[in-house]
Amino acid sequence: MEWTFAENKTFENTLAELGLENPNLVQEIALRLPGKTIEQIQTHYDALVKDVEMIELGHFDETLEKYGGCTTSHIVSHDDPHVSLNSYNPQAQPHRVPRRSPTPWTDEEHE
């Protein structure tokens, strides 16, 4: 099941517009994406929820960038083995970006 960049953008914009509490969310998205079935939309939504949960737990890497990002082919595929969440390892250390030392404020910035 492949999603184009435009389809994914419509999906995300509809989620933002209608809110996750909308009881007819999947059906409303289907109205805006006539080429997608209810099942495809639900699968895409479930993948998003799992990705967000992983990110919130601090377990993320470059494979998650493929969900909503613009790949070279502008297609997001849930069949891609690199996007699979089956490789999720809860014991893995979360990816951490090293922080720089802070720059002290100048006297002018304090005024």
PDB file of N, CA and C in Angstrom:
ATOM      1  N   MET A   1       0.850  -1.167   0.000  1.00  0.00           N
ATOM      2  CA  MET A   1       0.000   0.000   0.000  1.00  0.00           C
ATOM      3  C   MET A   1       0.896   1.230   0.000  1.00  0.00           C
ATOM      4  N   GLU A   2       0.828   1.986  -1.044  1.00  0.00           N
ATOM      5  CA  GLU A   2       1.684   3.158  -1.186  1.00  0.00           C
ATOM      6  C   GLU A   2       0.873   4.437  -1.078  1.00  0.00           C
ATOM      7  N   TRP A   3       1.505   5.442  -0.508  1.00  0.00           N
ATOM      8  CA  TRP A   3       0.894   6.756  -0.349  1.00  0.00           C
ATOM      9  C   TRP A   3       1.791   7.783  -1.001  1.00  0.00           C
ATOM     10  N   THR A   4       1.210   8.631  -1.834  1.00  0.00           N
ATOM     11  CA  THR A   4       1.985   9.705  -2.429  1.00  0.00           C
ATOM     12  C   THR A   4       2.160  10.813  -1.396  1.00  0.00           C
ATOM     13  N   PHE A   5       3.058  11.713  -1.681  1.00  0.00           N
ATOM     14  CA  PHE A   5       3.281  12.856  -0.796  1.00  0.00           C
ATOM     15  C   PHE A   5       1.982  13.644  -0.634  1.00  0.00           C
ATOM     16  N   ALA A   6       1.267  13.878  -1.741  1.00  0.00           N
ATOM     17  CA  ALA A   6       0.012  14.653  -1.697  1.00  0.00           C
ATOM     18  C   ALA A   6      -1.057  13.933  -0.861  1.00  0.00           C
ATOM     19  N   GLU A   7      -1.171  12.614  -1.015  1.00  0.00           N
ATOM     20  CA  GLU A   7      -2.144  11.854  -0.226  1.00  0.00           C
ATOM     21  C   GLU A   7      -1.808  11.930   1.265  1.00  0.00           C
ATOM     22  N   ASN A   8      -0.530  11.781   1.577  1.00  0.00           N
ATOM     23  CA  ASN A   8      -0.111  11.835   2.969  1.00  0.00           C
ATOM     24  C   ASN A   8      -0.369  13.222   3.559  1.00  0.00           C
ATOM     25  N   LYS A   9      -0.145  14.259   2.771  1.00  0.00           N
ATOM     26  CA  LYS A   9      -0.389  15.624   3.244  1.00  0.00           C
ATOM     27  C   LYS A   9      -1.878  15.836   3.502  1.00  0.00           C
ATOM     28  N   THR A  10      -2.735  15.339   2.614  1.00  0.00           N
ATOM     29  CA  THR A  10      -4.183  15.438   2.813  1.00  0.00           C
ATOM     30  C   THR A  10      -4.583  14.685   4.083  1.00  0.00           C
ATOM     31  N   PHE A  11      -4.023  13.505   4.274  1.00  0.00           N
ATOM     32  CA  PHE A  11      -4.275  12.705   5.470  1.00  0.00           C
ATOM     33  C   PHE A  11      -3.915  13.488   6.732  1.00  0.00           C
ATOM     34  N   GLU A  12      -2.708  14.032   6.771  1.00  0.00           N
ATOM     35  CA  GLU A  12      -2.247  14.771   7.942  1.00  0.00           C
ATOM     36  C   GLU A  12      -3.065  16.042   8.179  1.00  0.00           C
ATOM     37  N   ASN A  13      -3.369  16.768   7.112  1.00  0.00           N
ATOM     38  CA  ASN A  13      -4.153  17.996   7.258  1.00  0.00           C
ATOM     39  C   ASN A  13      -5.560  17.693   7.774  1.00  0.00           C
ATOM     40  N   THR A  14      -6.139  16.599   7.316  1.00  0.00           N
ATOM     41  CA  THR A  14      -7.476  16.212   7.780  1.00  0.00           C
ATOM     42  C   THR A  14      -7.442  15.827   9.252  1.00  0.00           C
ATOM     43  N   LEU A  15      -6.402  15.112   9.668  1.00  0.00           N
ATOM     44  CA  LEU A  15      -6.249  14.781  11.088  1.00  0.00           C
ATOM     45  C   LEU A  15      -6.183  16.057  11.930  1.00  0.00           C
ATOM     46  N   ALA A  16      -5.392  17.009  11.469  1.00  0.00           N
ATOM     47  CA  ALA A  16      -5.237  18.258  12.213  1.00  0.00           C
ATOM     48  C   ALA A  16      -6.538  19.049  12.241  1.00  0.00           C
ATOM     49  N   GLU A  17      -7.247  19.064  11.133  1.00  0.00           N
ATOM     50  CA  GLU A  17      -8.491  19.834  11.028  1.00  0.00           C
ATOM     51  C   GLU A  17      -9.627  19.235  11.856  1.00  0.00           C
ATOM     52  N   LEU A  18      -9.817  17.922  11.774  1.00  0.00           N
ATOM     53  CA  LEU A  18     -10.953  17.283  12.421  1.00  0.00           C
ATOM     54  C   LEU A  18     -10.675  16.855  13.859  1.00  0.00           C
ATOM     55  N   GLY A  19      -9.414  16.625  14.188  1.00  0.00           N
ATOM     56  CA  GLY A  19      -9.070  16.193  15.536  1.00  0.00           C
ATOM     57  C   GLY A  19      -9.211  14.693  15.704  1.00  0.00           C
ATOM     58  N   LEU A  20      -8.408  14.151  16.587  1.00  0.00           N
ATOM     59  CA  LEU A  20      -8.380  12.705  16.797  1.00  0.00           C
ATOM     60  C   LEU A  20      -9.606  12.181  17.522  1.00  0.00           C
ATOM     61  N   GLU A  21     -10.368  13.062  18.147  1.00  0.00           N
ATOM     62  CA  GLU A  21     -11.550  12.634  18.895  1.00  0.00           C
ATOM     63  C   GLU A  21     -12.773  12.440  17.994  1.00  0.00           C
ATOM     64  N   ASN A  22     -12.691  12.837  16.746  1.00  0.00           N
ATOM     65  CA  ASN A  22     -13.809  12.724  15.814  1.00  0.00           C
ATOM     66  C   ASN A  22     -14.187  11.252  15.644  1.00  0.00           C
ATOM     67  N   PRO A  23     -15.421  10.870  15.962  1.00  0.00           N
ATOM     68  CA  PRO A  23     -15.811   9.457  15.874  1.00  0.00           C
ATOM     69  C   PRO A  23     -15.850   8.925  14.437  1.00  0.00           C
ATOM     70  N   ASN A  24     -15.933   9.805  13.466  1.00  0.00           N
ATOM     71  CA  ASN A  24     -15.992   9.389  12.056  1.00  0.00           C
ATOM     72  C   ASN A  24     -14.718   9.774  11.310  1.00  0.00           C
ATOM     73  N   LEU A  25     -13.608   9.841  12.030  1.00  0.00           N
ATOM     74  CA  LEU A  25     -12.364  10.345  11.449  1.00  0.00           C
ATOM     75  C   LEU A  25     -11.942   9.586  10.194  1.00  0.00           C
ATOM     76  N   VAL A  26     -11.896   8.275  10.262  1.00  0.00           N
ATOM     77  CA  VAL A  26     -11.435   7.480   9.122  1.00  0.00           C
ATOM     78  C   VAL A  26     -12.366   7.668   7.927  1.00  0.00           C
ATOM     79  N   GLN A  27     -13.670   7.702   8.179  1.00  0.00           N
ATOM     80  CA  GLN A  27     -14.628   7.899   7.093  1.00  0.00           C
ATOM     81  C   GLN A  27     -14.481   9.295   6.475  1.00  0.00           C
ATOM     82  N   GLU A  28     -14.240  10.296   7.311  1.00  0.00           N
ATOM     83  CA  GLU A  28     -14.049  11.659   6.809  1.00  0.00           C
ATOM     84  C   GLU A  28     -12.792  11.759   5.953  1.00  0.00           C
ATOM     85  N   ILE A  29     -11.737  11.090   6.384  1.00  0.00           N
ATOM     86  CA  ILE A  29     -10.501  11.081   5.589  1.00  0.00           C
ATOM     87  C   ILE A  29     -10.761  10.391   4.256  1.00  0.00           C
ATOM     88  N   ALA A  30     -11.530   9.297   4.280  1.00  0.00           N
ATOM     89  CA  ALA A  30     -11.837   8.557   3.048  1.00  0.00           C
ATOM     90  C   ALA A  30     -12.568   9.436   2.029  1.00  0.00           C
ATOM     91  N   LEU A  31     -13.407  10.337   2.514  1.00  0.00           N
ATOM     92  CA  LEU A  31     -14.108  11.247   1.607  1.00  0.00           C
ATOM     93  C   LEU A  31     -13.133  12.180   0.889  1.00  0.00           C
ATOM     94  N   ARG A  32     -12.035  12.490   1.525  1.00  0.00           N
ATOM     95  CA  ARG A  32     -11.038  13.401   0.941  1.00  0.00           C
ATOM     96  C   ARG A  32      -9.966  12.665   0.161  1.00  0.00           C
ATOM     97  N   LEU A  33      -9.926  11.343   0.305  1.00  0.00           N
ATOM     98  CA  LEU A  33      -8.959  10.517  -0.419  1.00  0.00           C
ATOM     99  C   LEU A  33      -9.706   9.403  -1.151  1.00  0.00           C
ATOM    100  N   PRO A  34     -10.370   9.750  -2.249  1.00  0.00           N
ATOM    101  CA  PRO A  34     -11.219   8.762  -2.935  1.00  0.00           C
ATOM    102  C   PRO A  34     -10.479   7.521  -3.453  1.00  0.00           C
ATOM    103  N   GLY A  35      -9.174   7.575  -3.601  1.00  0.00           N
ATOM    104  CA  GLY A  35      -8.429   6.411  -4.078  1.00  0.00           C
ATOM    105  C   GLY A  35      -8.046   5.434  -2.981  1.00  0.00           C
ATOM    106  N   LYS A  36      -8.366   5.754  -1.732  1.00  0.00           N
ATOM    107  CA  LYS A  36      -7.975   4.900  -0.606  1.00  0.00           C
ATOM    108  C   LYS A  36      -9.196   4.259   0.032  1.00  0.00           C
ATOM    109  N   THR A  37      -9.024   3.008   0.473  1.00  0.00           N
ATOM    110  CA  THR A  37     -10.111   2.309   1.162  1.00  0.00           C
ATOM    111  C   THR A  37     -10.070   2.662   2.650  1.00  0.00           C
ATOM    112  N   ILE A  38     -11.161   2.367   3.335  1.00  0.00           N
ATOM    113  CA  ILE A  38     -11.218   2.565   4.784  1.00  0.00           C
ATOM    114  C   ILE A  38     -10.097   1.766   5.454  1.00  0.00           C
ATOM    115  N   GLU A  39      -9.886   0.547   5.007  1.00  0.00           N
ATOM    116  CA  GLU A  39      -8.845  -0.308   5.576  1.00  0.00           C
ATOM    117  C   GLU A  39      -7.452   0.295   5.382  1.00  0.00           C
ATOM    118  N   GLN A  40      -7.168   0.826   4.194  1.00  0.00           N
ATOM    119  CA  GLN A  40      -5.869   1.448   3.940  1.00  0.00           C
ATOM    120  C   GLN A  40      -5.664   2.665   4.840  1.00  0.00           C
ATOM    121  N   ILE A  41      -6.700   3.454   5.006  1.00  0.00           N
ATOM    122  CA  ILE A  41      -6.605   4.650   5.848  1.00  0.00           C
ATOM    123  C   ILE A  41      -6.405   4.244   7.300  1.00  0.00           C
ATOM    124  N   GLN A  42      -7.119   3.230   7.768  1.00  0.00           N
ATOM    125  CA  GLN A  42      -6.971   2.769   9.149  1.00  0.00           C
ATOM    126  C   GLN A  42      -5.557   2.245   9.392  1.00  0.00           C
ATOM    127  N   THR A  43      -5.015   1.491   8.432  1.00  0.00           N
ATOM    128  CA  THR A  43      -3.648   0.965   8.549  1.00  0.00           C
ATOM    129  C   THR A  43      -2.637   2.102   8.620  1.00  0.00           C
ATOM    130  N   HIS A  44      -2.831   3.119   7.781  1.00  0.00           N
ATOM    131  CA  HIS A  44      -1.931   4.281   7.762  1.00  0.00           C
ATOM    132  C   HIS A  44      -2.019   5.029   9.090  1.00  0.00           C
ATOM    133  N   TYR A  45      -3.220   5.182   9.610  1.00  0.00           N
ATOM    134  CA  TYR A  45      -3.433   5.853  10.893  1.00  0.00           C
ATOM    135  C   TYR A  45      -2.768   5.055  12.023  1.00  0.00           C
ATOM    136  N   ASP A  46      -2.956   3.739  12.025  1.00  0.00           N
ATOM    137  CA  ASP A  46      -2.355   2.892  13.061  1.00  0.00           C
ATOM    138  C   ASP A  46      -0.832   2.983  13.037  1.00  0.00           C
ATOM    139  N   ALA A  47      -0.248   3.040  11.829  1.00  0.00           N
ATOM    140  CA  ALA A  47       1.205   3.174  11.710  1.00  0.00           C
ATOM    141  C   ALA A  47       1.664   4.514  12.289  1.00  0.00           C
ATOM    142  N   LEU A  48       0.911   5.559  12.046  1.00  0.00           N
ATOM    143  CA  LEU A  48       1.238   6.870  12.599  1.00  0.00           C
ATOM    144  C   LEU A  48       1.190   6.834  14.127  1.00  0.00           C
ATOM    145  N   VAL A  49       0.158   6.239  14.681  1.00  0.00           N
ATOM    146  CA  VAL A  49       0.012   6.158  16.139  1.00  0.00           C
ATOM    147  C   VAL A  49       1.195   5.403  16.743  1.00  0.00           C
ATOM    148  N   LYS A  50       1.577   4.285  16.143  1.00  0.00           N
ATOM    149  CA  LYS A  50       2.718   3.512  16.652  1.00  0.00           C
ATOM    150  C   LYS A  50       4.002   4.319  16.580  1.00  0.00           C
ATOM    151  N   ASP A  51       4.198   5.038  15.466  1.00  0.00           N
ATOM    152  CA  ASP A  51       5.397   5.860  15.321  1.00  0.00           C
ATOM    153  C   ASP A  51       5.445   6.954  16.383  1.00  0.00           C
ATOM    154  N   VAL A  52       4.322   7.606  16.624  1.00  0.00           N
ATOM    155  CA  VAL A  52       4.271   8.670  17.628  1.00  0.00           C
ATOM    156  C   VAL A  52       4.555   8.091  19.010  1.00  0.00           C
ATOM    157  N   GLU A  53       3.997   6.936  19.316  1.00  0.00           N
ATOM    158  CA  GLU A  53       4.259   6.294  20.608  1.00  0.00           C
ATOM    159  C   GLU A  53       5.749   6.004  20.778  1.00  0.00           C
ATOM    160  N   MET A  54       6.392   5.489  19.727  1.00  0.00           N
ATOM    161  CA  MET A  54       7.814   5.190  19.793  1.00  0.00           C
ATOM    162  C   MET A  54       8.624   6.467  20.011  1.00  0.00           C
ATOM    163  N   ILE A  55       8.266   7.521  19.308  1.00  0.00           N
ATOM    164  CA  ILE A  55       8.977   8.793  19.442  1.00  0.00           C
ATOM    165  C   ILE A  55       8.823   9.331  20.860  1.00  0.00           C
ATOM    166  N   GLU A  56       7.599   9.276  21.387  1.00  0.00           N
ATOM    167  CA  GLU A  56       7.362   9.769  22.742  1.00  0.00           C
ATOM    168  C   GLU A  56       8.119   8.972  23.790  1.00  0.00           C
ATOM    169  N   LEU A  57       8.382   7.701  23.525  1.00  0.00           N
ATOM    170  CA  LEU A  57       9.164   6.871  24.432  1.00  0.00           C
ATOM    171  C   LEU A  57      10.665   7.073  24.245  1.00  0.00           C
ATOM    172  N   GLY A  58      11.038   7.850  23.234  1.00  0.00           N
ATOM    173  CA  GLY A  58      12.449   8.085  22.964  1.00  0.00           C
ATOM    174  C   GLY A  58      13.088   7.029  22.097  1.00  0.00           C
ATOM    175  N   HIS A  59      12.301   6.111  21.562  1.00  0.00           N
ATOM    176  CA  HIS A  59      12.815   5.052  20.693  1.00  0.00           C
ATOM    177  C   HIS A  59      12.506   5.409  19.249  1.00  0.00           C
ATOM    178  N   PHE A  60      13.457   6.055  18.611  1.00  0.00           N
ATOM    179  CA  PHE A  60      13.236   6.427  17.219  1.00  0.00           C
ATOM    180  C   PHE A  60      14.565   6.440  16.493  1.00  0.00           C
ATOM    181  N   ASP A  61      14.497   6.348  15.196  1.00  0.00           N
ATOM    182  CA  ASP A  61      15.686   6.428  14.359  1.00  0.00           C
ATOM    183  C   ASP A  61      15.275   6.916  12.983  1.00  0.00           C
ATOM    184  N   GLU A  62      16.194   6.827  12.044  1.00  0.00           N
ATOM    185  CA  GLU A  62      15.928   7.366  10.711  1.00  0.00           C
ATOM    186  C   GLU A  62      14.816   6.638   9.975  1.00  0.00           C
ATOM    187  N   THR A  63      14.434   5.426  10.362  1.00  0.00           N
ATOM    188  CA  THR A  63      13.364   4.717   9.655  1.00  0.00           C
ATOM    189  C   THR A  63      12.034   5.423   9.832  1.00  0.00           C
ATOM    190  N   LEU A  64      11.839   6.121  10.949  1.00  0.00           N
ATOM    191  CA  LEU A  64      10.575   6.815  11.160  1.00  0.00           C
ATOM    192  C   LEU A  64      10.427   8.021  10.246  1.00  0.00           C
ATOM    193  N   GLU A  65      11.535   8.545   9.736  1.00  0.00           N
ATOM    194  CA  GLU A  65      11.457   9.687   8.844  1.00  0.00           C
ATOM    195  C   GLU A  65      10.709   9.342   7.566  1.00  0.00           C
ATOM    196  N   LYS A  66      10.645   8.063   7.220  1.00  0.00           N
ATOM    197  CA  LYS A  66       9.971   7.662   5.992  1.00  0.00           C
ATOM    198  C   LYS A  66       8.455   7.757   6.096  1.00  0.00           C
ATOM    199  N   TYR A  67       7.894   7.802   7.333  1.00  0.00           N
ATOM    200  CA  TYR A  67       6.438   7.840   7.458  1.00  0.00           C
ATOM    201  C   TYR A  67       5.840   9.037   6.748  1.00  0.00           C
ATOM    202  N   GLY A  68       6.172  10.205   7.203  1.00  0.00           N
ATOM    203  CA  GLY A  68       5.550  11.393   6.655  1.00  0.00           C
ATOM    204  C   GLY A  68       6.487  12.202   5.807  1.00  0.00           C
ATOM    205  N   GLY A  69       7.740  11.821   5.777  1.00  0.00           N
ATOM    206  CA  GLY A  69       8.720  12.596   5.046  1.00  0.00           C
ATOM    207  C   GLY A  69       8.599  12.408   3.552  1.00  0.00           C
ATOM    208  N   CYS A  70       9.265  13.254   2.853  1.00  0.00           N
ATOM    209  CA  CYS A  70       9.267  13.201   1.395  1.00  0.00           C
ATOM    210  C   CYS A  70      10.447  12.339   0.975  1.00  0.00           C
ATOM    211  N   THR A  71      10.184  11.105   0.578  1.00  0.00           N
ATOM    212  CA  THR A  71      11.257  10.230   0.130  1.00  0.00           C
ATOM    213  C   THR A  71      11.636  10.619  -1.288  1.00  0.00           C
ATOM    214  N   THR A  72      12.701  10.039  -1.806  1.00  0.00           N
ATOM    215  CA  THR A  72      13.160  10.412  -3.138  1.00  0.00           C
ATOM    216  C   THR A  72      12.100  10.135  -4.194  1.00  0.00           C
ATOM    217  N   SER A  73      11.264   9.118  -3.968  1.00  0.00           N
ATOM    218  CA  SER A  73      10.210   8.818  -4.934  1.00  0.00           C
ATOM    219  C   SER A  73       8.891   9.472  -4.542  1.00  0.00           C
ATOM    220  N   HIS A  74       8.877  10.204  -3.434  1.00  0.00           N
ATOM    221  CA  HIS A  74       7.665  10.851  -2.926  1.00  0.00           C
ATOM    222  C   HIS A  74       6.575   9.836  -2.607  1.00  0.00           C
ATOM    223  N   ILE A  75       6.984   8.632  -2.215  1.00  0.00           N
ATOM    224  CA  ILE A  75       6.023   7.582  -1.875  1.00  0.00           C
ATOM    225  C   ILE A  75       6.379   7.016  -0.508  1.00  0.00           C
ATOM    226  N   VAL A  76       5.370   6.802   0.288  1.00  0.00           N
ATOM    227  CA  VAL A  76       5.535   6.164   1.587  1.00  0.00           C
ATOM    228  C   VAL A  76       4.902   4.794   1.476  1.00  0.00           C
ATOM    229  N   SER A  77       5.628   3.760   1.854  1.00  0.00           N
ATOM    230  CA  SER A  77       5.111   2.405   1.737  1.00  0.00           C
ATOM    231  C   SER A  77       5.163   1.702   3.081  1.00  0.00           C
ATOM    232  N   HIS A  78       4.053   1.100   3.489  1.00  0.00           N
ATOM    233  CA  HIS A  78       4.041   0.329   4.721  1.00  0.00           C
ATOM    234  C   HIS A  78       4.534  -1.086   4.467  1.00  0.00           C
ATOM    235  N   ASP A  79       4.812  -1.435   3.215  1.00  0.00           N
ATOM    236  CA  ASP A  79       5.343  -2.752   2.886  1.00  0.00           C
ATOM    237  C   ASP A  79       6.866  -2.753   2.873  1.00  0.00           C
ATOM    238  N   ASP A  80       7.486  -1.594   2.997  1.00  0.00           N
ATOM    239  CA  ASP A  80       8.935  -1.459   2.972  1.00  0.00           C
ATOM    240  C   ASP A  80       9.511  -2.063   4.247  1.00  0.00           C
ATOM    241  N   PRO A  81      10.413  -3.037   4.150  1.00  0.00           N
ATOM    242  CA  PRO A  81      10.954  -3.663   5.362  1.00  0.00           C
ATOM    243  C   PRO A  81      11.729  -2.692   6.241  1.00  0.00           C
ATOM    244  N   HIS A  82      12.229  -1.598   5.682  1.00  0.00           N
ATOM    245  CA  HIS A  82      12.959  -0.614   6.480  1.00  0.00           C
ATOM    246  C   HIS A  82      12.028   0.233   7.328  1.00  0.00           C
ATOM    247  N   VAL A  83      10.740   0.228   7.020  1.00  0.00           N
ATOM    248  CA  VAL A  83       9.768   1.011   7.766  1.00  0.00           C
ATOM    249  C   VAL A  83       9.081   0.145   8.815  1.00  0.00           C
ATOM    250  N   SER A  84       9.278  -1.139   8.740  1.00  0.00           N
ATOM    251  CA  SER A  84       8.603  -2.065   9.640  1.00  0.00           C
ATOM    252  C   SER A  84       8.904  -1.757  11.091  1.00  0.00           C
ATOM    253  N   LEU A  85       7.875  -1.849  11.904  1.00  0.00           N
ATOM    254  CA  LEU A  85       8.051  -1.643  13.333  1.00  0.00           C
ATOM    255  C   LEU A  85       8.417  -2.946  14.030  1.00  0.00           C
ATOM    256  N   ASN A  86       8.547  -4.041  13.260  1.00  0.00           N
ATOM    257  CA  ASN A  86       8.892  -5.320  13.857  1.00  0.00           C
ATOM    258  C   ASN A  86      10.302  -5.302  14.439  1.00  0.00           C
ATOM    259  N   SER A  87      11.147  -4.378  13.990  1.00  0.00           N
ATOM    260  CA  SER A  87      12.507  -4.314  14.489  1.00  0.00           C
ATOM    261  C   SER A  87      12.603  -3.478  15.760  1.00  0.00           C
ATOM    262  N   TYR A  88      11.492  -3.020  16.276  1.00  0.00           N
ATOM    263  CA  TYR A  88      11.475  -2.215  17.499  1.00  0.00           C
ATOM    264  C   TYR A  88      12.033  -3.017  18.660  1.00  0.00           C
ATOM    265  N   ASN A  89      12.973  -2.439  19.357  1.00  0.00           N
ATOM    266  CA  ASN A  89      13.599  -3.104  20.482  1.00  0.00           C
ATOM    267  C   ASN A  89      13.455  -2.218  21.710  1.00  0.00           C
ATOM    268  N   PRO A  90      12.573  -2.589  22.653  1.00  0.00           N
ATOM    269  CA  PRO A  90      12.358  -1.733  23.820  1.00  0.00           C
ATOM    270  C   PRO A  90      13.578  -1.609  24.714  1.00  0.00           C
ATOM    271  N   GLN A  91      14.556  -2.539  24.613  1.00  0.00           N
ATOM    272  CA  GLN A  91      15.770  -2.446  25.417  1.00  0.00           C
ATOM    273  C   GLN A  91      16.822  -1.542  24.776  1.00  0.00           C
ATOM    274  N   ALA A  92      16.608  -1.159  23.528  1.00  0.00           N
ATOM    275  CA  ALA A  92      17.594  -0.322  22.834  1.00  0.00           C
ATOM    276  C   ALA A  92      17.665   1.052  23.485  1.00  0.00           C
ATOM    277  N   GLN A  93      18.842   1.619  23.455  1.00  0.00           N
ATOM    278  CA  GLN A  93      19.019   2.963  23.989  1.00  0.00           C
ATOM    279  C   GLN A  93      18.441   3.972  23.011  1.00  0.00           C
ATOM    280  N   PRO A  94      17.718   4.969  23.498  1.00  0.00           N
ATOM    281  CA  PRO A  94      17.166   5.965  22.590  1.00  0.00           C
ATOM    282  C   PRO A  94      18.263   6.775  21.917  1.00  0.00           C
ATOM    283  N   HIS A  95      17.976   7.223  20.731  1.00  0.00           N
ATOM    284  CA  HIS A  95      18.909   8.044  19.971  1.00  0.00           C
ATOM    285  C   HIS A  95      19.006   9.408  20.642  1.00  0.00           C
ATOM    286  N   ARG A  96      20.191   9.841  20.936  1.00  0.00           N
ATOM    287  CA  ARG A  96      20.390  11.135  21.583  1.00  0.00           C
ATOM    288  C   ARG A  96      21.281  12.006  20.714  1.00  0.00           C
ATOM    289  N   VAL A  97      20.875  13.256  20.565  1.00  0.00           N
ATOM    290  CA  VAL A  97      21.671  14.226  19.830  1.00  0.00           C
ATOM    291  C   VAL A  97      22.533  14.967  20.846  1.00  0.00           C
ATOM    292  N   PRO A  98      23.857  15.019  20.629  1.00  0.00           N
ATOM    293  CA  PRO A  98      24.702  15.713  21.593  1.00  0.00           C
ATOM    294  C   PRO A  98      24.354  17.201  21.651  1.00  0.00           C
ATOM    295  N   ARG A  99      24.379  17.748  22.845  1.00  0.00           N
ATOM    296  CA  ARG A  99      24.059  19.165  23.029  1.00  0.00           C
ATOM    297  C   ARG A  99      25.340  19.977  23.107  1.00  0.00           C
ATOM    298  N   ARG A 100      25.248  21.196  22.585  1.00  0.00           N
ATOM    299  CA  ARG A 100      26.371  22.122  22.688  1.00  0.00           C
ATOM    300  C   ARG A 100      26.323  22.811  24.044  1.00  0.00           C
ATOM    301  N   SER A 101      27.451  23.285  24.463  1.00  0.00           N
ATOM    302  CA  SER A 101      27.483  24.093  25.679  1.00  0.00           C
ATOM    303  C   SER A 101      26.779  25.407  25.400  1.00  0.00           C
ATOM    304  N   PRO A 102      26.002  25.900  26.356  1.00  0.00           N
ATOM    305  CA  PRO A 102      25.288  27.149  26.122  1.00  0.00           C
ATOM    306  C   PRO A 102      26.244  28.338  26.050  1.00  0.00           C
ATOM    307  N   THR A 103      25.861  29.319  25.258  1.00  0.00           N
ATOM    308  CA  THR A 103      26.626  30.554  25.150  1.00  0.00           C
ATOM    309  C   THR A 103      26.079  31.535  26.180  1.00  0.00           C
ATOM    310  N   PRO A 104      26.942  32.092  27.033  1.00  0.00           N
ATOM    311  CA  PRO A 104      26.447  33.037  28.037  1.00  0.00           C
ATOM    312  C   PRO A 104      25.859  34.282  27.382  1.00  0.00           C
ATOM    313  N   TRP A 105      24.865  34.851  28.032  1.00  0.00           N
ATOM    314  CA  TRP A 105      24.250  36.078  27.549  1.00  0.00           C
ATOM    315  C   TRP A 105      25.218  37.240  27.733  1.00  0.00           C
ATOM    316  N   THR A 106      25.138  38.194  26.834  1.00  0.00           N
ATOM    317  CA  THR A 106      25.931  39.401  26.963  1.00  0.00           C
ATOM    318  C   THR A 106      25.220  40.382  27.883  1.00  0.00           C
ATOM    319  N   ASP A 107      25.920  41.428  28.312  1.00  0.00           N
ATOM    320  CA  ASP A 107      25.306  42.443  29.172  1.00  0.00           C
ATOM    321  C   ASP A 107      24.140  43.111  28.467  1.00  0.00           C
ATOM    322  N   GLU A 108      24.252  43.344  27.137  1.00  0.00           N
ATOM    323  CA  GLU A 108      23.168  43.998  26.393  1.00  0.00           C
ATOM    324  C   GLU A 108      21.920  43.122  26.357  1.00  0.00           C
ATOM    325  N   GLU A 109      22.084  41.811  26.277  1.00  0.00           N
ATOM    326  CA  GLU A 109      20.940  40.911  26.227  1.00  0.00           C
ATOM    327  C   GLU A 109      20.228  40.844  27.565  1.00  0.00           C
ATOM    328  N   HIS A 110      20.907  41.144  28.639  1.00  0.00           N
ATOM    329  CA  HIS A 110      20.284  41.122  29.961  1.00  0.00           C
ATOM    330  C   HIS A 110      19.426  42.344  30.220  1.00  0.00           C
ATOM    331  N   GLU A 111      19.620  43.403  29.450  1.00  0.00           N
ATOM    332  CA  GLU A 111      18.875  44.650  29.692  1.00  0.00           C
ATOM    333  C   GLU A 111      17.503  44.611  29.102  1.00  0.00           C
TER     334      GLU A 111
END
